[in-house]
C-alpha atoms as a PDB file:
ATOM      1  CA  MET A   1     114.012 141.631 165.461  1.00  0.00           C
ATOM      2  CA  LYS A   2     115.783 141.666 162.041  1.00  0.00           C
ATOM      3  CA  ILE A   3     118.577 144.134 162.183  1.00  0.00           C
ATOM      4  CA  THR A   4     118.547 146.354 159.229  1.00  0.00           C
ATOM      5  CA  THR A   5     120.836 149.345 158.218  1.00  0.00           C
ATOM      6  CA  MET A   6     118.811 152.698 159.066  1.00  0.00           C
ATOM      7  CA  VAL A   7     119.495 155.767 160.517  1.00  0.00           C
ATOM      8  CA  THR A   8     121.076 155.438 163.805  1.00  0.00           C
ATOM      9  CA  GLY A   9     119.284 156.836 167.124  1.00  0.00           C
ATOM     10  CA  ALA A  10     121.989 159.345 167.681  1.00  0.00           C
ATOM     11  CA  ALA A  11     121.791 160.948 163.904  1.00  0.00           C
ATOM     12  CA  LEU A  12     117.974 160.366 163.948  1.00  0.00           C
ATOM     13  CA  GLY A  13     117.697 162.279 167.114  1.00  0.00           C
ATOM     14  CA  VAL A  14     120.013 165.278 165.649  1.00  0.00           C
ATOM     15  CA  MET A  15     118.032 165.347 162.638  1.00  0.00           C
ATOM     16  CA  LEU A  16     114.810 165.431 163.956  1.00  0.00           C
ATOM     17  CA  ALA A  17     115.413 168.145 166.744  1.00  0.00           C
ATOM     18  CA  SER A  18     115.922 170.585 164.021  1.00  0.00           C
ATOM     19  CA  THR A  19     112.564 169.965 162.311  1.00  0.00           C
ATOM     20  CA  ALA A  20     110.510 169.111 165.397  1.00  0.00           C
ATOM     21  CA  MET A  21     108.787 172.565 165.814  1.00  0.00           C
ATOM     22  CA  ALA A  22     107.228 172.005 162.234  1.00  0.00           C
ATOM     23  CA  ALA A  23     106.560 168.195 162.167  1.00  0.00           C
ATOM     24  CA  GLU A  24     103.312 166.840 162.183  1.00  0.00           C
ATOM     25  CA  LEU A  25     102.599 163.144 162.477  1.00  0.00           C
ATOM     26  CA  THR A  26      99.076 160.966 162.055  1.00  0.00           C
ATOM     27  CA  VAL A  27      98.656 158.374 164.751  1.00  0.00           C
ATOM     28  CA  VAL A  28      96.160 155.858 164.478  1.00  0.00           C
ATOM     29  CA  SER A  29      94.664 153.772 167.229  1.00  0.00           C
ATOM     30  CA  PHE A  30      91.323 151.942 168.707  1.00  0.00           C
ATOM     31  CA  GLY A  31      89.963 155.240 170.689  1.00  0.00           C
ATOM     32  CA  GLY A  32      87.946 155.013 173.883  1.00  0.00           C
ATOM     33  CA  ALA A  33      89.939 154.646 177.195  1.00  0.00           C
ATOM     34  CA  TYR A  34      92.684 152.771 175.396  1.00  0.00           C
ATOM     35  CA  GLY A  35      93.412 155.792 173.243  1.00  0.00           C
ATOM     36  CA  ALA A  36      92.631 158.113 176.209  1.00  0.00           C
ATOM     37  CA  ALA A  37      95.615 155.926 178.130  1.00  0.00           C
ATOM     38  CA  GLN A  38      97.990 156.403 175.148  1.00  0.00           C
ATOM     39  CA  LYS A  39      97.193 159.915 174.593  1.00  0.00           C
ATOM     40  CA  LYS A  40      98.208 160.573 178.247  1.00  0.00           C
ATOM     41  CA  HIS A  41     101.187 158.420 178.565  1.00  0.00           C
ATOM     42  CA  MET A  42     102.831 158.706 175.116  1.00  0.00           C
ATOM     43  CA  LEU A  43     101.315 161.065 172.720  1.00  0.00           C
ATOM     44  CA  ASP A  44     101.253 164.147 174.927  1.00  0.00           C
ATOM     45  CA  PRO A  45     104.707 163.509 176.293  1.00  0.00           C
ATOM     46  CA  TYR A  46     106.192 162.899 172.939  1.00  0.00           C
ATOM     47  CA  THR A  47     104.600 166.351 171.765  1.00  0.00           C
ATOM     48  CA  ALA A  48     105.964 168.031 175.170  1.00  0.00           C
ATOM     49  CA  LYS A  49     109.139 166.571 174.489  1.00  0.00           C
ATOM     50  CA  THR A  50     109.492 167.231 170.571  1.00  0.00           C
ATOM     51  CA  GLY A  51     107.259 169.737 169.776  1.00  0.00           C
ATOM     52  CA  THR A  52     105.679 167.377 167.190  1.00  0.00           C
ATOM     53  CA  LYS A  53     102.010 167.772 166.543  1.00  0.00           C
ATOM     54  CA  ILE A  54     100.125 164.777 166.607  1.00  0.00           C
ATOM     55  CA  LEU A  55      96.994 163.841 164.755  1.00  0.00           C
ATOM     56  CA  PHE A  56      95.237 161.221 166.918  1.00  0.00           C
ATOM     57  CA  GLU A  57      92.856 159.158 164.808  1.00  0.00           C
ATOM     58  CA  ASP A  58      90.396 156.111 165.410  1.00  0.00           C
ATOM     59  CA  TYR A  59      89.858 153.111 163.535  1.00  0.00           C
ATOM     60  CA  SER A  60      88.247 149.856 164.094  1.00  0.00           C
ATOM     61  CA  GLY A  61      91.175 147.420 163.685  1.00  0.00           C
ATOM     62  CA  GLY A  62      92.078 144.844 160.595  1.00  0.00           C
ATOM     63  CA  ILE A  63      94.291 145.860 157.631  1.00  0.00           C
ATOM     64  CA  ALA A  64      91.648 146.770 154.845  1.00  0.00           C
ATOM     65  CA  GLU A  65      92.288 150.495 155.196  1.00  0.00           C
ATOM     66  CA  ILE A  66      96.071 150.319 155.658  1.00  0.00           C
ATOM     67  CA  LYS A  67      95.720 148.126 152.349  1.00  0.00           C
ATOM     68  CA  ALA A  68      93.661 150.540 150.575  1.00  0.00           C
ATOM     69  CA  GLN A  69      96.208 153.644 151.368  1.00  0.00           C
ATOM     70  CA  VAL A  70      99.242 151.651 150.463  1.00  0.00           C
ATOM     71  CA  GLU A  71      97.785 150.304 146.862  1.00  0.00           C
ATOM     72  CA  ALA A  72      96.496 153.663 145.943  1.00  0.00           C
ATOM     73  CA  ASN A  73      99.907 155.200 147.114  1.00  0.00           C
ATOM     74  CA  ASN A  74      97.831 157.587 149.060  1.00  0.00           C
ATOM     75  CA  ILE A  75      99.231 157.321 152.442  1.00  0.00           C
ATOM     76  CA  GLN A  76      97.070 159.167 155.119  1.00  0.00           C
ATOM     77  CA  TRP A  77      98.600 157.545 158.288  1.00  0.00           C
ATOM     78  CA  ASP A  78     101.852 157.312 159.533  1.00  0.00           C
ATOM     79  CA  VAL A  79     101.963 155.074 162.769  1.00  0.00           C
ATOM     80  CA  VAL A  80      99.157 152.608 163.385  1.00  0.00           C
ATOM     81  CA  ASP A  81      98.451 150.507 166.531  1.00  0.00           C
ATOM     82  CA  ILE A  82      97.680 147.018 165.091  1.00  0.00           C
ATOM     83  CA  GLU A  83      96.653 143.578 166.649  1.00  0.00           C
ATOM     84  CA  VAL A  84      99.289 140.958 166.362  1.00  0.00           C
ATOM     85  CA  ILE A  85      96.916 138.642 164.833  1.00  0.00           C
ATOM     86  CA  ASP A  86      96.661 140.997 161.766  1.00  0.00           C
ATOM     87  CA  LEU A  87     100.304 142.027 161.992  1.00  0.00           C
ATOM     88  CA  GLU A  88     101.609 138.937 160.283  1.00  0.00           C
ATOM     89  CA  ARG A  89      99.498 139.076 157.325  1.00  0.00           C
ATOM     90  CA  ALA A  90     100.077 142.926 156.995  1.00  0.00           C
ATOM     91  CA  CYS A  91     103.776 142.608 157.184  1.00  0.00           C
ATOM     92  CA  SER A  92     103.916 139.785 154.754  1.00  0.00           C
ATOM     93  CA  GLU A  93     101.860 141.565 152.231  1.00  0.00           C
ATOM     94  CA  GLY A  94     104.317 144.685 152.293  1.00  0.00           C
ATOM     95  CA  LEU A  95     101.797 147.148 154.040  1.00  0.00           C
ATOM     96  CA  LEU A  96     104.367 147.967 156.765  1.00  0.00           C
ATOM     97  CA  GLU A  97     107.893 149.468 157.137  1.00  0.00           C
ATOM     98  CA  VAL A  98     110.485 147.377 158.592  1.00  0.00           C
ATOM     99  CA  ILE A  99     111.390 148.965 162.080  1.00  0.00           C
ATOM    100  CA  PRO A 100     115.266 149.167 162.656  1.00  0.00           C
ATOM    101  CA  ALA A 101     116.646 147.594 165.758  1.00  0.00           C
ATOM    102  CA  SER A 102     117.885 150.851 166.989  1.00  0.00           C
ATOM    103  CA  VAL A 103     114.322 151.778 167.608  1.00  0.00           C
ATOM    104  CA  LEU A 104     114.349 149.612 170.644  1.00  0.00           C
ATOM    105  CA  ALA A 105     115.336 152.172 173.455  1.00  0.00           C
ATOM    106  CA  ALA A 106     117.205 150.794 176.461  1.00  0.00           C
ATOM    107  CA  GLY A 107     114.911 150.341 179.554  1.00  0.00           C
ATOM    108  CA  ALA A 108     114.837 152.846 182.290  1.00  0.00           C
ATOM    109  CA  ASP A 109     117.044 150.547 184.501  1.00  0.00           C
ATOM    110  CA  GLY A 110     119.796 150.200 181.663  1.00  0.00           C
ATOM    111  CA  THR A 111     118.570 147.093 180.296  1.00  0.00           C
ATOM    112  CA  PRO A 112     119.290 146.661 176.345  1.00  0.00           C
ATOM    113  CA  GLY A 113     115.962 147.155 174.335  1.00  0.00           C
ATOM    114  CA  ALA A 114     116.087 143.725 172.898  1.00  0.00           C
ATOM    115  CA  GLN A 115     116.329 142.168 176.203  1.00  0.00           C
ATOM    116  CA  ASP A 116     113.912 144.167 178.037  1.00  0.00           C
ATOM    117  CA  PHE A 117     111.032 143.588 175.654  1.00  0.00           C
ATOM    118  CA  ILE A 118     109.174 140.088 176.155  1.00  0.00           C
ATOM    119  CA  PRO A 119     109.998 138.168 173.122  1.00  0.00           C
ATOM    120  CA  SER A 120     106.652 138.269 171.390  1.00  0.00           C
ATOM    121  CA  ALA A 121     106.810 142.019 171.475  1.00  0.00           C
ATOM    122  CA  ILE A 122     109.459 142.090 168.865  1.00  0.00           C
ATOM    123  CA  ALA A 123     109.169 138.716 167.061  1.00  0.00           C
ATOM    124  CA  ASN A 124     107.864 140.733 164.141  1.00  0.00           C
ATOM    125  CA  GLU A 125     110.010 143.002 162.036  1.00  0.00           C
ATOM    126  CA  CYS A 126     107.293 145.185 161.266  1.00  0.00           C
ATOM    127  CA  GLY A 127     105.997 146.127 164.935  1.00  0.00           C
ATOM    128  CA  VAL A 128     107.210 147.087 168.372  1.00  0.00           C
ATOM    129  CA  GLY A 129     105.013 145.645 171.181  1.00  0.00           C
ATOM    130  CA  ASN A 130     102.890 148.417 173.071  1.00  0.00           C
ATOM    131  CA  ILE A 131     100.558 146.249 175.297  1.00  0.00           C
ATOM    132  CA  VAL A 132      99.493 142.524 176.234  1.00  0.00           C
ATOM    133  CA  TRP A 133      95.568 142.586 175.840  1.00  0.00           C
ATOM    134  CA  THR A 134      92.837 140.175 175.601  1.00  0.00           C
ATOM    135  CA  ILE A 135      89.382 139.592 174.317  1.00  0.00           C
ATOM    136  CA  ILE A 136      87.068 138.206 177.115  1.00  0.00           C
ATOM    137  CA  TYR A 137      83.004 138.374 177.556  1.00  0.00           C
ATOM    138  CA  ALA A 138      81.351 140.430 180.168  1.00  0.00           C
ATOM    139  CA  TYR A 139      77.692 140.765 181.388  1.00  0.00           C
ATOM    140  CA  ASN A 140      75.530 143.356 183.422  1.00  0.00           C
ATOM    141  CA  GLU A 141      75.050 141.881 186.951  1.00  0.00           C
ATOM    142  CA  LYS A 142      71.791 143.858 187.113  1.00  0.00           C
ATOM    143  CA  THR A 143      70.201 142.340 183.690  1.00  0.00           C
ATOM    144  CA  ILE A 144      71.586 138.612 183.461  1.00  0.00           C
ATOM    145  CA  GLY A 145      69.254 137.144 185.737  1.00  0.00           C
ATOM    146  CA  SER A 146      69.634 134.236 188.379  1.00  0.00           C
ATOM    147  CA  VAL A 147      71.975 132.492 186.334  1.00  0.00           C
ATOM    148  CA  LYS A 148      75.531 133.745 185.891  1.00  0.00           C
ATOM    149  CA  PRO A 149      77.934 132.704 183.071  1.00  0.00           C
ATOM    150  CA  THR A 150      81.326 131.194 183.792  1.00  0.00           C
ATOM    151  CA  SER A 151      82.563 129.515 180.724  1.00  0.00           C
ATOM    152  CA  ILE A 152      82.789 130.158 176.910  1.00  0.00           C
ATOM    153  CA  GLY A 153      80.082 127.177 177.067  1.00  0.00           C
ATOM    154  CA  ASP A 154      77.485 129.595 178.817  1.00  0.00           C
ATOM    155  CA  PHE A 155      77.936 132.149 176.085  1.00  0.00           C
ATOM    156  CA  PHE A 156      76.770 129.805 173.346  1.00  0.00           C
ATOM    157  CA  ASP A 157      74.076 128.183 175.650  1.00  0.00           C
ATOM    158  CA  THR A 158      70.945 130.268 175.015  1.00  0.00           C
ATOM    159  CA  LYS A 159      68.855 127.716 176.751  1.00  0.00           C
ATOM    160  CA  LYS A 160      70.760 128.194 179.982  1.00  0.00           C
ATOM    161  CA  ILE A 161      70.924 131.909 179.541  1.00  0.00           C
ATOM    162  CA  SER A 162      68.685 133.621 176.969  1.00  0.00           C
ATOM    163  CA  GLY A 163      68.983 136.961 175.447  1.00  0.00           C
ATOM    164  CA  LYS A 164      71.560 138.502 172.942  1.00  0.00           C
ATOM    165  CA  ARG A 165      75.126 138.297 172.474  1.00  0.00           C
ATOM    166  CA  ALA A 166      77.503 140.956 171.187  1.00  0.00           C
ATOM    167  CA  MET A 167      79.990 139.977 169.002  1.00  0.00           C
ATOM    168  CA  ARG A 168      82.716 141.428 166.837  1.00  0.00           C
ATOM    169  CA  LYS A 169      81.922 141.147 163.068  1.00  0.00           C
ATOM    170  CA  ARG A 170      84.853 139.363 161.881  1.00  0.00           C
ATOM    171  CA  PRO A 171      86.142 135.737 162.269  1.00  0.00           C
ATOM    172  CA  GLN A 172      89.073 135.997 164.392  1.00  0.00           C
ATOM    173  CA  VAL A 173      88.320 134.807 168.351  1.00  0.00           C
ATOM    174  CA  ASN A 174      84.618 133.757 167.190  1.00  0.00           C
ATOM    175  CA  MET A 175      85.812 130.716 165.434  1.00  0.00           C
ATOM    176  CA  GLU A 176      88.358 129.855 167.987  1.00  0.00           C
ATOM    177  CA  TRP A 177      85.819 130.429 171.017  1.00  0.00           C
ATOM    178  CA  ALA A 178      82.862 128.349 168.807  1.00  0.00           C
ATOM    179  CA  LEU A 179      85.552 125.327 168.589  1.00  0.00           C
ATOM    180  CA  ILE A 180      86.416 125.497 172.421  1.00  0.00           C
ATOM    181  CA  ALA A 181      82.419 125.625 173.221  1.00  0.00           C
ATOM    182  CA  ASP A 182      82.169 122.509 171.044  1.00  0.00           C
ATOM    183  CA  GLY A 183      84.610 120.496 173.107  1.00  0.00           C
ATOM    184  CA  VAL A 184      88.011 121.335 171.443  1.00  0.00           C
ATOM    185  CA  ALA A 185      90.970 121.580 173.674  1.00  0.00           C
ATOM    186  CA  ALA A 186      92.451 124.928 173.766  1.00  0.00           C
ATOM    187  CA  ASP A 187      95.771 123.925 172.496  1.00  0.00           C
ATOM    188  CA  LYS A 188      94.487 122.028 169.705  1.00  0.00           C
ATOM    189  CA  VAL A 189      91.996 124.817 168.487  1.00  0.00           C
ATOM    190  CA  TYR A 190      94.413 126.193 165.514  1.00  0.00           C
ATOM    191  CA  GLU A 191      95.038 122.653 164.433  1.00  0.00           C
ATOM    192  CA  VAL A 192      91.552 122.027 163.979  1.00  0.00           C
ATOM    193  CA  LEU A 193      90.712 124.947 162.641  1.00  0.00           C
ATOM    194  CA  ALA A 194      92.971 124.901 159.807  1.00  0.00           C
ATOM    195  CA  THR A 195      91.084 121.593 158.368  1.00  0.00           C
ATOM    196  CA  ASP A 196      87.864 122.173 156.181  1.00  0.00           C
ATOM    197  CA  ALA A 197      86.096 120.069 158.919  1.00  0.00           C
ATOM    198  CA  GLY A 198      87.004 122.205 161.774  1.00  0.00           C
ATOM    199  CA  GLN A 199      86.008 125.315 160.090  1.00  0.00           C
ATOM    200  CA  ALA A 200      82.519 123.783 159.273  1.00  0.00           C
ATOM    201  CA  ARG A 201      82.460 122.689 162.818  1.00  0.00           C
ATOM    202  CA  ALA A 202      83.110 126.355 164.114  1.00  0.00           C
ATOM    203  CA  PHE A 203      80.398 127.618 161.713  1.00  0.00           C
ATOM    204  CA  ALA A 204      77.955 124.834 163.002  1.00  0.00           C
ATOM    205  CA  LYS A 205      78.464 125.842 166.513  1.00  0.00           C
ATOM    206  CA  LEU A 206      78.136 129.811 165.616  1.00  0.00           C
ATOM    207  CA  ASP A 207      74.840 128.610 163.828  1.00  0.00           C
ATOM    208  CA  THR A 208      73.549 127.604 167.317  1.00  0.00           C
ATOM    209  CA  ILE A 209      73.530 131.439 168.591  1.00  0.00           C
ATOM    210  CA  LYS A 210      73.405 133.445 165.065  1.00  0.00           C
ATOM    211  CA  ASP A 211      69.828 134.172 165.542  1.00  0.00           C
ATOM    212  CA  ASP A 212      70.837 135.763 169.092  1.00  0.00           C
ATOM    213  CA  ILE A 213      73.819 137.728 167.867  1.00  0.00           C
ATOM    214  CA  VAL A 214      74.294 141.338 168.056  1.00  0.00           C
ATOM    215  CA  TRP A 215      77.155 142.295 165.595  1.00  0.00           C
ATOM    216  CA  PHE A 216      79.418 145.415 166.228  1.00  0.00           C
ATOM    217  CA  ASP A 217      82.448 146.988 164.664  1.00  0.00           C
ATOM    218  CA  SER A 218      83.860 148.836 167.485  1.00  0.00           C
ATOM    219  CA  TRP A 219      84.980 148.047 170.991  1.00  0.00           C
ATOM    220  CA  SER A 220      83.172 151.271 172.183  1.00  0.00           C
ATOM    221  CA  GLN A 221      79.904 149.749 171.351  1.00  0.00           C
ATOM    222  CA  VAL A 222      80.155 146.880 173.841  1.00  0.00           C
ATOM    223  CA  PRO A 223      79.681 148.859 177.104  1.00  0.00           C
ATOM    224  CA  GLN A 224      76.590 150.658 175.822  1.00  0.00           C
ATOM    225  CA  LEU A 225      74.908 147.443 174.557  1.00  0.00           C
ATOM    226  CA  LEU A 226      75.480 145.748 178.190  1.00  0.00           C
ATOM    227  CA  ASN A 227      74.607 148.795 179.848  1.00  0.00           C
ATOM    228  CA  ASP A 228      70.974 149.542 177.772  1.00  0.00           C
ATOM    229  CA  GLY A 229      70.130 145.820 177.720  1.00  0.00           C
ATOM    230  CA  GLY A 230      71.023 145.550 174.067  1.00  0.00           C
ATOM    231  CA  ALA A 231      72.948 142.500 175.097  1.00  0.00           C
ATOM    232  CA  VAL A 232      73.105 139.987 178.155  1.00  0.00           C
ATOM    233  CA  MET A 233      76.754 139.350 177.209  1.00  0.00           C
ATOM    234  CA  GLY A 234      79.297 141.032 175.130  1.00  0.00           C
ATOM    235  CA  GLN A 235      82.703 140.149 173.608  1.00  0.00           C
ATOM    236  CA  SER A 236      85.029 142.485 174.396  1.00  0.00           C
ATOM    237  CA  ALA A 237      88.647 144.117 174.735  1.00  0.00           C
ATOM    238  CA  ASN A 238      89.316 143.635 178.439  1.00  0.00           C
ATOM    239  CA  GLY A 239      90.272 147.117 178.841  1.00  0.00           C
ATOM    240  CA  ARG A 240      87.097 148.422 177.821  1.00  0.00           C
ATOM    241  CA  ILE A 241      84.981 146.625 180.481  1.00  0.00           C
ATOM    242  CA  PHE A 242      87.813 147.396 183.211  1.00  0.00           C
ATOM    243  CA  ASP A 243      87.332 150.938 182.520  1.00  0.00           C
ATOM    244  CA  ALA A 244      83.498 150.753 182.784  1.00  0.00           C
ATOM    245  CA  ILE A 245      83.845 148.994 186.056  1.00  0.00           C
ATOM    246  CA  LYS A 246      86.594 151.223 187.535  1.00  0.00           C
ATOM    247  CA  LYS A 247      85.755 154.778 186.147  1.00  0.00           C
ATOM    248  CA  ASP A 248      82.102 154.548 185.436  1.00  0.00           C
ATOM    249  CA  GLY A 249      81.005 152.177 188.146  1.00  0.00           C
ATOM    250  CA  LYS A 250      79.428 149.862 185.844  1.00  0.00           C
ATOM    251  CA  PRO A 251      77.872 146.524 187.363  1.00  0.00           C
ATOM    252  CA  PHE A 252      79.984 144.514 184.713  1.00  0.00           C
ATOM    253  CA  LYS A 253      81.731 141.048 185.322  1.00  0.00           C
ATOM    254  CA  MET A 254      84.205 139.755 183.056  1.00  0.00           C
ATOM    255  CA  VAL A 255      84.601 136.182 182.466  1.00  0.00           C
ATOM    256  CA  TRP A 256      88.113 134.765 181.573  1.00  0.00           C
ATOM    257  CA  ASP A 257      87.558 131.298 180.497  1.00  0.00           C
ATOM    258  CA  ALA A 258      88.925 130.846 176.864  1.00  0.00           C
ATOM    259  CA  HIS A 259      90.174 134.524 176.504  1.00  0.00           C
ATOM    260  CA  VAL A 260      91.934 135.096 173.578  1.00  0.00           C
ATOM    261  CA  TYR A 261      95.058 137.123 174.337  1.00  0.00           C
ATOM    262  CA  ASP A 262      97.242 139.070 172.112  1.00  0.00           C
ATOM    263  CA  LEU A 263      99.801 141.978 171.659  1.00  0.00           C
ATOM    264  CA  ASP A 264      99.047 145.229 170.087  1.00  0.00           C
ATOM    265  CA  VAL A 265     101.998 146.768 168.226  1.00  0.00           C
ATOM    266  CA  TRP A 266     103.173 150.177 166.768  1.00  0.00           C
ATOM    267  CA  ALA A 267     103.965 150.040 163.209  1.00  0.00           C
ATOM    268  CA  VAL A 268     104.597 152.351 160.437  1.00  0.00           C
ATOM    269  CA  VAL A 269     102.581 152.266 157.290  1.00  0.00           C
ATOM    270  CA  LYS A 270     104.504 151.441 154.222  1.00  0.00           C
ATOM    271  CA  GLY A 271     105.445 154.304 152.301  1.00  0.00           C
ATOM    272  CA  SER A 272     105.197 157.247 155.023  1.00  0.00           C
ATOM    273  CA  LYS A 273     106.622 160.299 154.105  1.00  0.00           C
ATOM    274  CA  LYS A 274     107.436 160.878 157.745  1.00  0.00           C
ATOM    275  CA  LYS A 275     109.114 157.370 158.335  1.00  0.00           C
ATOM    276  CA  ASP A 276     111.840 158.481 160.430  1.00  0.00           C
ATOM    277  CA  LEU A 277     109.837 160.673 162.515  1.00  0.00           C
ATOM    278  CA  ALA A 278     107.716 157.861 163.183  1.00  0.00           C
ATOM    279  CA  PHE A 279     110.529 155.593 164.188  1.00  0.00           C
ATOM    280  CA  ASP A 280     111.228 158.150 166.659  1.00  0.00           C
ATOM    281  CA  PHE A 281     107.739 158.376 167.792  1.00  0.00           C
ATOM    282  CA  ILE A 282     107.733 154.685 168.478  1.00  0.00           C
ATOM    283  CA  SER A 283     111.042 154.642 170.132  1.00  0.00           C
ATOM    284  CA  PHE A 284     109.820 157.339 172.825  1.00  0.00           C
ATOM    285  CA  ALA A 285     106.234 155.687 173.140  1.00  0.00           C
ATOM    286  CA  THR A 286     107.784 151.988 173.874  1.00  0.00           C
ATOM    287  CA  GLY A 287     109.862 153.299 176.614  1.00  0.00           C
ATOM    288  CA  THR A 288     109.786 152.036 180.132  1.00  0.00           C
ATOM    289  CA  LYS A 289     107.652 154.815 181.618  1.00  0.00           C
ATOM    290  CA  PRO A 290     105.008 155.338 178.608  1.00  0.00           C
ATOM    291  CA  LEU A 291     104.512 151.708 178.766  1.00  0.00           C
ATOM    292  CA  SER A 292     104.040 151.688 182.444  1.00  0.00           C
ATOM    293  CA  GLY A 293     100.852 153.882 181.975  1.00  0.00           C
ATOM    294  CA  MET A 294      98.826 151.289 180.016  1.00  0.00           C
ATOM    295  CA  PRO A 295      97.666 149.129 183.056  1.00  0.00           C
ATOM    296  CA  ASP A 296      95.725 152.320 183.572  1.00  0.00           C
ATOM    297  CA  VAL A 297      93.183 150.307 181.335  1.00  0.00           C
ATOM    298  CA  ALA A 298      94.339 146.849 182.591  1.00  0.00           C
ATOM    299  CA  TYR A 299      96.607 146.248 179.651  1.00  0.00           C
ATOM    300  CA  GLY A 300      99.928 144.673 180.362  1.00  0.00           C
ATOM    301  CA  PRO A 301     103.022 146.514 179.302  1.00  0.00           C
ATOM    302  CA  THR A 302     105.407 144.754 176.932  1.00  0.00           C
ATOM    303  CA  ARG A 303     108.838 145.830 178.780  1.00  0.00           C
ATOM    304  CA  LYS A 304     110.109 143.888 182.231  1.00  0.00           C
ATOM    305  CA  SER A 305     111.282 147.293 183.336  1.00  0.00           C
ATOM    306  CA  SER A 306     107.753 148.866 183.197  1.00  0.00           C
ATOM    307  CA  MET A 307     106.342 146.575 185.783  1.00  0.00           C
ATOM    308  CA  ALA A 308     108.387 148.168 188.541  1.00  0.00           C
ATOM    309  CA  LEU A 309     106.128 151.185 187.932  1.00  0.00           C
ATOM    310  CA  VAL A 310     103.088 149.653 187.952  1.00  0.00           C
ATOM    311  CA  ASP A 311     100.511 149.780 190.792  1.00  0.00           C
ATOM    312  CA  PRO A 312     100.275 146.384 192.427  1.00  0.00           C
ATOM    313  CA  ALA A 313      96.669 146.794 192.918  1.00  0.00           C
ATOM    314  CA  VAL A 314      96.214 146.640 189.112  1.00  0.00           C
ATOM    315  CA  ILE A 315      98.229 143.362 188.657  1.00  0.00           C
ATOM    316  CA  PRO A 316      95.024 140.673 189.244  1.00  0.00           C
ATOM    317  CA  ASP A 317      93.099 142.705 186.409  1.00  0.00           C
ATOM    318  CA  LEU A 318      95.863 142.382 183.712  1.00  0.00           C
ATOM    319  CA  PRO A 319      95.673 139.469 181.055  1.00  0.00           C
ATOM    320  CA  THR A 320      99.098 138.502 182.240  1.00  0.00           C
ATOM    321  CA  SER A 321      97.545 137.332 185.545  1.00  0.00           C
ATOM    322  CA  HIS A 322      94.943 134.963 183.638  1.00  0.00           C
ATOM    323  CA  LEU A 323      97.548 133.554 180.975  1.00  0.00           C
ATOM    324  CA  ASP A 324      96.606 129.774 182.052  1.00  0.00           C
ATOM    325  CA  GLU A 325      92.843 130.348 181.545  1.00  0.00           C
ATOM    326  CA  GLY A 326      93.392 131.756 177.855  1.00  0.00           C
ATOM    327  CA  VAL A 327      94.543 130.838 174.261  1.00  0.00           C
ATOM    328  CA  LYS A 328      97.313 132.939 172.699  1.00  0.00           C
ATOM    329  CA  ALA A 329      96.088 134.212 169.339  1.00  0.00           C
ATOM    330  CA  ASP A 330      98.070 132.713 166.415  1.00  0.00           C
ATOM    331  CA  GLY A 331      99.040 135.628 164.022  1.00  0.00           C
ATOM    332  CA  ILE A 332     100.682 133.436 161.764  1.00  0.00           C
ATOM    333  CA  PHE A 333      97.445 131.024 161.233  1.00  0.00           C
ATOM    334  CA  TRP A 334      95.459 134.293 160.562  1.00  0.00           C
ATOM    335  CA  ALA A 335      97.984 135.084 158.132  1.00  0.00           C
ATOM    336  CA  ASP A 336      97.776 131.965 156.260  1.00  0.00           C
ATOM    337  CA  PHE A 337      93.716 131.700 156.598  1.00  0.00           C
ATOM    338  CA  GLY A 338      92.591 135.420 157.331  1.00  0.00           C
ATOM    339  CA  GLU A 339      91.586 135.852 153.909  1.00  0.00           C
ATOM    340  CA  SER A 340      89.834 132.715 153.039  1.00  0.00           C
ATOM    341  CA  LEU A 341      88.117 132.564 156.361  1.00  0.00           C
ATOM    342  CA  GLY A 342      87.096 136.102 155.996  1.00  0.00           C
ATOM    343  CA  GLU A 343      85.218 135.204 152.780  1.00  0.00           C
ATOM    344  CA  LYS A 344      83.680 132.299 154.257  1.00  0.00           C
ATOM    345  CA  PHE A 345      82.578 134.152 157.512  1.00  0.00           C
ATOM    346  CA  ASN A 346      80.967 137.036 155.124  1.00  0.00           C
ATOM    347  CA  GLU A 347      79.314 134.299 153.128  1.00  0.00           C
ATOM    348  CA  TRP A 348      78.028 132.600 156.343  1.00  0.00           C
ATOM    349  CA  LEU A 349      76.294 136.250 157.521  1.00  0.00           C
ATOM    350  CA  LEU A 350      74.600 136.269 154.441  1.00  0.00           C
ATOM    351  CA  LYS A 351      72.832 132.984 154.689  1.00  0.00           C
END
């Protein structure tokens, strides 16, 4: 992470201590079981420690809302949980604050922060890693029928398994899955997708299931679609399905083949009037103990020291236990191609 000259950790703590009781911070994330875990392990403990009131809001991801606030100079959010697949673009477009190195607190075992985080968690100067997560697809064992899907190819094979497929309405992940299902090797997918021919190939593969796609905007919709029969298979953040299985007893099954894994980070919206308070919150929220709570919803912590506090029974359900079956989302690719592919994707939807 780039080191910048900002308020030191000690000075920041003294400054915030005198104003914490009157302070208020708006934090935005993805809701659901994930948001509940963040509230339990990060937000509530921070409020208890500092007295800061936190307004916790939900959004559907992407950078459109952040960009609109910054361009209008009407900042409504302070801290935002953003996917790394969107982070590169948001940072390069000047929509986020650069986070000072002093925010990286030492681990509970004394390891310096910069050494305790996995490298990809602090690779971008505008964010500090929160979780390792992934997008899988899942099905309802009671409604799928006699043929059970095991691969990304099965997701695209409506002759083998009929019925609706639920997919998030954006090109990210859908384009990667389409190419892999069409025979492109996982380690070549972004190389192919960077070409006009590769993009055409991905859209052609998506065409084969277009009439059977149920589009959604929020991850919260997927368990409901699987539960009520609105879709026989559904693309989802793994934590949503894990929570539905473990807490609600849903008969869902996750398929790990070609899962696209990524990180989420905490970031600060450019122009926030509570920037220093936002940095203090991020420093706390990405500490060893708060991060160790994220496996509650099967998301891996980004600190090495947090793993010592994780229940061993949960480890097989973490994305980090299935990396060899997956593809790392390429944030740099999507920073370069996100806008153009977003336009092409919207045009394709209207055809």
